[in-house]
Amino acid sequence: MLALTGVFVSSAARADLFSNIQLWAGTGTNEAGFEIDWNNGATNSALLWGYRWNGTATGEQMFDAIVATDPRLYAEVSGPTDYGTEVFGLGFHQSGDQNFSLSPSLSFNSQHLAIVDAGSVEDSRAAVTSGDLWQEGWYTAGYWTYWNSTDSRVSANQSDWDSSYGGMTSRVLENGDMDGWSFDYGFNWPASTPAAPSYVTAVPEPSAWALLGMGGLFMVCLQINRRSNGLTGTTSPVVITRSSKGSAIL
């Protein structure tokens, strides 16, 4: 049930971050870690994913692949600039039902990206649903800081990160690398490095959601059947059969 409700598993042994990553994007023999720290003091506000690839890959390719793979993850980014792609906002929608609501509203494409120019950034934009994570900033609220390290360094010392002076567009990944994004409220310096993360659970299979939906349908029909028979302490049996097309008939 933990996986079905999107609850996270807290980080455990610090000896090797990669061995505990549950959700990976991409395929290949090379591995890198990807952390986002909303840095808001809430439980599970720092989350960790993994990325696999062969050949050459950049920090931006990892960013895009992970955002597209996890239906709970959303990002507001710029188009191409002289400094590469800028990150304005990052969000995590707990239910993963593709209905991520923000106020003011923001439209995302099929890859969970909202591609905007800096003039469209709203520092006060917030998640509508309680428990969802969203932070955006460029002018007054703060900004997303970009950090680089390796699995071995961060596993030994969580604060062992280097501030990236290049952007994710020009960042060339190596096997064992770690990229981190941490929101810096109020443009403080030095900015906070990404904190010890929780491991994001794997995305539930569609069949699991279908089972939950069938269970809910059964309970609704059971209650209707009880009311129609005027029963309070006992129930009449509800017979469920299947048609030749596999649909449930009550």
Protein backbone atom coordinates (compact mmCIF):
# COMPACT_ATOMS: atom_id res chain seq x y z
CA MET A 1 0.00 0.00 0.00
CA LEU A 2 2.94 2.36 0.55
CA ALA A 3 3.85 2.18 -3.13
CA LEU A 4 0.24 2.62 -4.19
CA THR A 5 -0.24 5.81 -2.22
CA GLY A 6 3.04 7.39 -3.31
CA VAL A 7 4.65 7.31 0.14
CA PHE A 8 8.41 7.54 0.10
CA VAL A 9 10.94 5.23 1.69
CA SER A 10 13.39 7.15 3.85
CA SER A 11 17.08 6.89 3.15
CA ALA A 12 18.78 4.15 5.14
CA ALA A 13 22.41 3.08 4.83
CA ARG A 14 24.69 5.87 3.67
CA ALA A 15 27.37 3.55 2.32
CA ASP A 16 26.06 3.69 -1.24
CA LEU A 17 23.20 5.90 -2.42
CA PHE A 18 22.83 4.20 -5.79
CA SER A 19 22.13 0.74 -4.37
CA ASN A 20 18.94 2.07 -2.72
CA ILE A 21 17.52 4.01 -5.68
CA GLN A 22 14.12 2.58 -6.60
CA LEU A 23 13.13 4.63 -9.65
CA TRP A 24 15.47 4.76 -12.65
CA ALA A 25 15.04 6.45 -16.02
CA GLY A 26 16.85 5.27 -19.12
CA THR A 27 18.86 2.13 -19.80
CA GLY A 28 22.57 1.42 -20.04
CA THR A 29 25.65 0.49 -18.09
CA ASN A 30 26.42 3.99 -16.78
CA GLU A 31 24.57 5.33 -13.73
CA ALA A 32 24.07 8.78 -12.22
CA GLY A 33 21.97 10.08 -9.34
CA PHE A 34 19.52 12.99 -9.55
CA GLU A 35 18.34 14.80 -6.42
CA ILE A 36 15.84 17.62 -5.94
CA ASP A 37 15.68 19.41 -2.58
CA TRP A 38 12.74 21.79 -2.17
CA ASN A 39 14.48 22.88 1.02
CA ASN A 40 11.22 23.86 2.73
CA GLY A 41 11.59 21.95 5.99
CA ALA A 42 8.81 19.48 5.15
CA THR A 43 9.22 15.71 5.50
CA ASN A 44 10.53 14.12 2.30
CA SER A 45 11.26 17.45 0.65
CA ALA A 46 14.56 16.09 -0.75
CA LEU A 47 14.05 13.23 -3.23
CA LEU A 48 16.39 10.99 -5.22
CA TRP A 49 16.06 9.31 -8.63
CA GLY A 50 18.55 7.49 -10.86
CA TYR A 51 19.52 7.67 -14.55
CA ARG A 52 21.14 5.05 -16.77
CA TRP A 53 22.69 5.53 -20.21
CA ASN A 54 25.31 4.37 -22.71
CA GLY A 55 27.71 6.57 -24.63
CA THR A 56 27.55 10.29 -23.82
CA ALA A 57 24.85 12.07 -21.83
CA THR A 58 24.44 15.54 -20.33
CA GLY A 59 22.87 16.79 -17.15
CA GLU A 60 19.99 18.19 -19.21
CA GLN A 61 19.33 14.82 -20.85
CA MET A 62 19.14 13.23 -17.40
CA PHE A 63 16.87 16.03 -16.17
CA ASP A 64 14.48 15.64 -19.11
CA ALA A 65 14.44 11.82 -18.93
CA ILE A 66 13.62 11.69 -15.22
CA VAL A 67 10.94 14.39 -15.42
CA ALA A 68 9.30 12.55 -18.34
CA THR A 69 9.53 9.13 -16.66
CA ASP A 70 7.96 9.96 -13.31
CA PRO A 71 4.31 11.06 -13.73
CA ARG A 72 4.53 12.86 -10.39
CA LEU A 73 7.40 15.16 -11.39
CA TYR A 74 6.99 18.51 -13.20
CA ALA A 75 9.35 21.27 -14.26
CA GLU A 76 9.16 24.84 -15.53
CA VAL A 77 12.14 25.65 -17.73
CA SER A 78 13.32 28.16 -20.30
CA GLY A 79 13.94 27.61 -23.96
CA PRO A 80 17.56 27.70 -25.19
CA THR A 81 19.60 30.64 -23.86
CA ASP A 82 23.24 31.71 -24.08
CA TYR A 83 23.73 29.86 -20.77
CA GLY A 84 21.75 26.76 -21.70
CA THR A 85 18.35 25.81 -20.33
CA GLU A 86 17.35 27.60 -17.12
CA VAL A 87 15.22 25.98 -14.41
CA PHE A 88 12.47 28.20 -12.94
CA GLY A 89 10.21 25.78 -11.07
CA LEU A 90 10.04 22.17 -9.90
CA GLY A 91 7.07 20.26 -8.53
CA PHE A 92 6.03 16.84 -7.27
CA HIS A 93 2.37 15.75 -7.49
CA GLN A 94 1.84 13.07 -4.86
CA SER A 95 -0.97 11.13 -6.55
CA GLY A 96 0.60 11.02 -10.01
CA ASP A 97 -2.86 11.24 -11.63
CA GLN A 98 -1.63 13.76 -14.24
CA ASN A 99 -3.85 16.48 -12.72
CA PHE A 100 -1.20 18.73 -11.19
CA SER A 101 -2.84 22.05 -10.26
CA LEU A 102 -1.01 25.29 -9.56
CA SER A 103 -2.19 28.80 -8.77
CA PRO A 104 -1.72 30.80 -10.95
CA SER A 105 -2.20 27.92 -13.39
CA LEU A 106 0.62 26.63 -15.57
CA SER A 107 0.36 24.32 -18.59
CA PHE A 108 2.73 21.37 -19.03
CA ASN A 109 3.40 19.34 -22.16
CA SER A 110 3.36 15.54 -22.42
CA GLN A 111 6.91 15.43 -21.05
CA HIS A 112 5.79 17.31 -17.89
CA LEU A 113 7.65 20.46 -18.96
CA ALA A 114 6.35 24.03 -19.03
CA ILE A 115 8.65 25.92 -21.40
CA VAL A 116 8.42 29.66 -20.74
CA ASP A 117 10.50 32.82 -20.87
CA ALA A 118 11.67 34.56 -17.73
CA GLY A 119 8.91 37.14 -18.02
CA SER A 120 6.31 34.44 -17.35
CA VAL A 121 7.82 33.34 -14.05
CA GLU A 122 5.53 33.86 -11.02
CA ASP A 123 7.53 33.74 -7.78
CA SER A 124 4.32 33.40 -5.77
CA ARG A 125 2.95 30.41 -7.71
CA ALA A 126 1.95 27.57 -5.38
CA ALA A 127 0.56 24.03 -5.46
CA VAL A 128 -3.23 23.79 -5.01
CA THR A 129 -3.36 20.28 -3.50
CA SER A 130 -2.15 19.89 0.07
CA GLY A 131 0.96 17.73 0.24
CA ASP A 132 2.13 18.50 -3.28
CA LEU A 133 5.53 20.14 -3.69
CA TRP A 134 6.14 23.18 -5.88
CA GLN A 135 8.72 25.93 -5.75
CA GLU A 136 9.31 28.59 -8.36
CA GLY A 137 11.61 31.57 -8.31
CA TRP A 138 13.60 34.02 -10.36
CA TYR A 139 13.00 37.56 -9.12
CA THR A 140 12.21 37.78 -5.40
CA ALA A 141 11.52 34.33 -3.89
CA GLY A 142 14.91 32.83 -4.67
CA TYR A 143 16.19 30.49 -7.35
CA TRP A 144 17.10 26.87 -8.07
CA THR A 145 20.80 26.20 -7.47
CA TYR A 146 22.60 23.46 -9.40
CA TRP A 147 25.16 21.18 -7.75
CA ASN A 148 27.50 18.42 -8.94
CA SER A 149 29.20 15.59 -7.06
CA THR A 150 29.64 11.81 -7.17
CA ASP A 151 27.94 8.88 -5.47
CA SER A 152 31.04 8.04 -3.43
CA ARG A 153 31.54 11.62 -2.21
CA VAL A 154 27.92 12.27 -1.22
CA SER A 155 27.54 8.81 0.32
CA ALA A 156 30.48 9.59 2.61
CA ASN A 157 29.50 13.22 3.29
CA GLN A 158 26.08 14.57 2.27
CA SER A 159 27.35 18.16 2.10
CA ASP A 160 30.21 17.31 -0.32
CA TRP A 161 28.85 19.08 -3.40
CA ASP A 162 30.38 21.53 -5.88
CA SER A 163 28.37 24.49 -7.11
CA SER A 164 28.05 24.14 -10.87
CA TYR A 165 29.38 27.15 -12.74
CA GLY A 166 28.14 25.72 -16.00
CA GLY A 167 24.55 24.77 -16.60
CA MET A 168 23.00 21.35 -17.01
CA THR A 169 23.11 21.79 -20.80
CA SER A 170 26.91 21.72 -20.87
CA ARG A 171 27.35 19.23 -18.00
CA VAL A 172 28.78 15.94 -19.39
CA LEU A 173 27.97 13.04 -17.10
CA GLU A 174 30.34 10.30 -16.03
CA ASN A 175 29.45 6.98 -14.45
CA GLY A 176 28.88 7.50 -10.72
CA ASP A 177 28.06 11.22 -10.94
CA MET A 178 25.42 13.00 -8.83
CA ASP A 179 23.47 16.09 -9.87
CA GLY A 180 21.47 18.04 -7.31
CA TRP A 181 18.96 20.90 -7.40
CA SER A 182 18.30 22.86 -4.22
CA PHE A 183 16.08 25.92 -3.88
CA ASP A 184 17.80 28.95 -2.35
CA TYR A 185 15.19 31.14 -0.65
CA GLY A 186 16.05 34.83 -0.71
CA PHE A 187 19.24 34.48 -2.76
CA ASN A 188 21.39 33.61 0.24
CA TRP A 189 25.09 32.96 -0.16
CA PRO A 190 26.49 30.46 0.33
CA ALA A 191 23.43 28.55 -0.80
CA SER A 192 22.38 25.33 0.91
CA THR A 193 23.63 22.12 -0.63
CA PRO A 194 21.07 19.33 -1.22
CA ALA A 195 20.15 17.56 2.04
CA ALA A 196 20.06 13.83 2.75
CA PRO A 197 17.38 12.52 0.35
CA SER A 198 14.53 10.04 0.52
CA TYR A 199 14.24 7.47 -2.23
CA VAL A 200 11.30 7.96 -4.55
CA THR A 201 9.20 4.80 -4.82
CA ALA A 202 8.65 3.18 -8.17
CA VAL A 203 5.60 4.34 -10.10
CA PRO A 204 2.60 2.01 -9.50
CA GLU A 205 1.65 -0.27 -12.38
CA PRO A 206 -1.65 0.58 -14.11
CA SER A 207 -3.01 -2.84 -13.07
CA ALA A 208 -2.54 -1.90 -9.42
CA TRP A 209 -4.65 1.23 -9.86
CA ALA A 210 -7.27 -0.88 -11.67
CA LEU A 211 -7.47 -3.27 -8.73
CA LEU A 212 -8.02 -0.38 -6.35
CA GLY A 213 -10.71 1.00 -8.62
CA MET A 214 -12.51 -2.36 -8.79
CA GLY A 215 -12.35 -2.61 -5.00
CA GLY A 216 -13.93 0.82 -4.67
CA LEU A 217 -16.62 -0.07 -7.22
CA PHE A 218 -17.47 -3.23 -5.29
CA MET A 219 -17.87 -1.31 -2.03
CA VAL A 220 -20.15 1.28 -3.67
CA CYS A 221 -22.33 -1.43 -5.18
CA LEU A 222 -22.45 -3.25 -1.86
CA GLN A 223 -23.71 -0.13 -0.10
CA ILE A 224 -26.34 0.48 -2.78
CA ASN A 225 -27.52 -3.11 -2.50
CA ARG A 226 -27.84 -2.82 1.28
CA ARG A 227 -29.91 0.35 1.02
CA SER A 228 -32.21 -1.08 -1.65
CA ASN A 229 -33.00 -4.03 0.59
CA GLY A 230 -33.54 -1.86 3.68
CA LEU A 231 -30.91 -3.78 5.66
CA THR A 232 -28.76 -2.33 8.40
CA GLY A 233 -27.11 -5.27 10.12
CA THR A 234 -27.06 -7.82 7.29
CA THR A 235 -26.53 -7.70 3.58
CA SER A 236 -27.89 -9.60 0.63
CA PRO A 237 -25.23 -11.22 -1.48
CA VAL A 238 -24.01 -9.29 -4.51
CA VAL A 239 -23.26 -11.59 -7.40
CA ILE A 240 -20.59 -10.45 -9.81
CA THR A 241 -20.17 -12.23 -13.12
CA ARG A 242 -18.19 -11.41 -16.23
CA SER A 243 -19.43 -11.02 -19.77
CA SER A 244 -17.64 -12.44 -22.77
CA LYS A 245 -15.83 -9.10 -23.05
CA GLY A 246 -14.59 -9.29 -19.49
CA SER A 247 -16.63 -6.42 -18.06
CA ALA A 248 -18.25 -6.74 -14.64
CA ILE A 249 -22.04 -7.16 -14.49
CA LEU A 250 -23.97 -6.71 -11.24
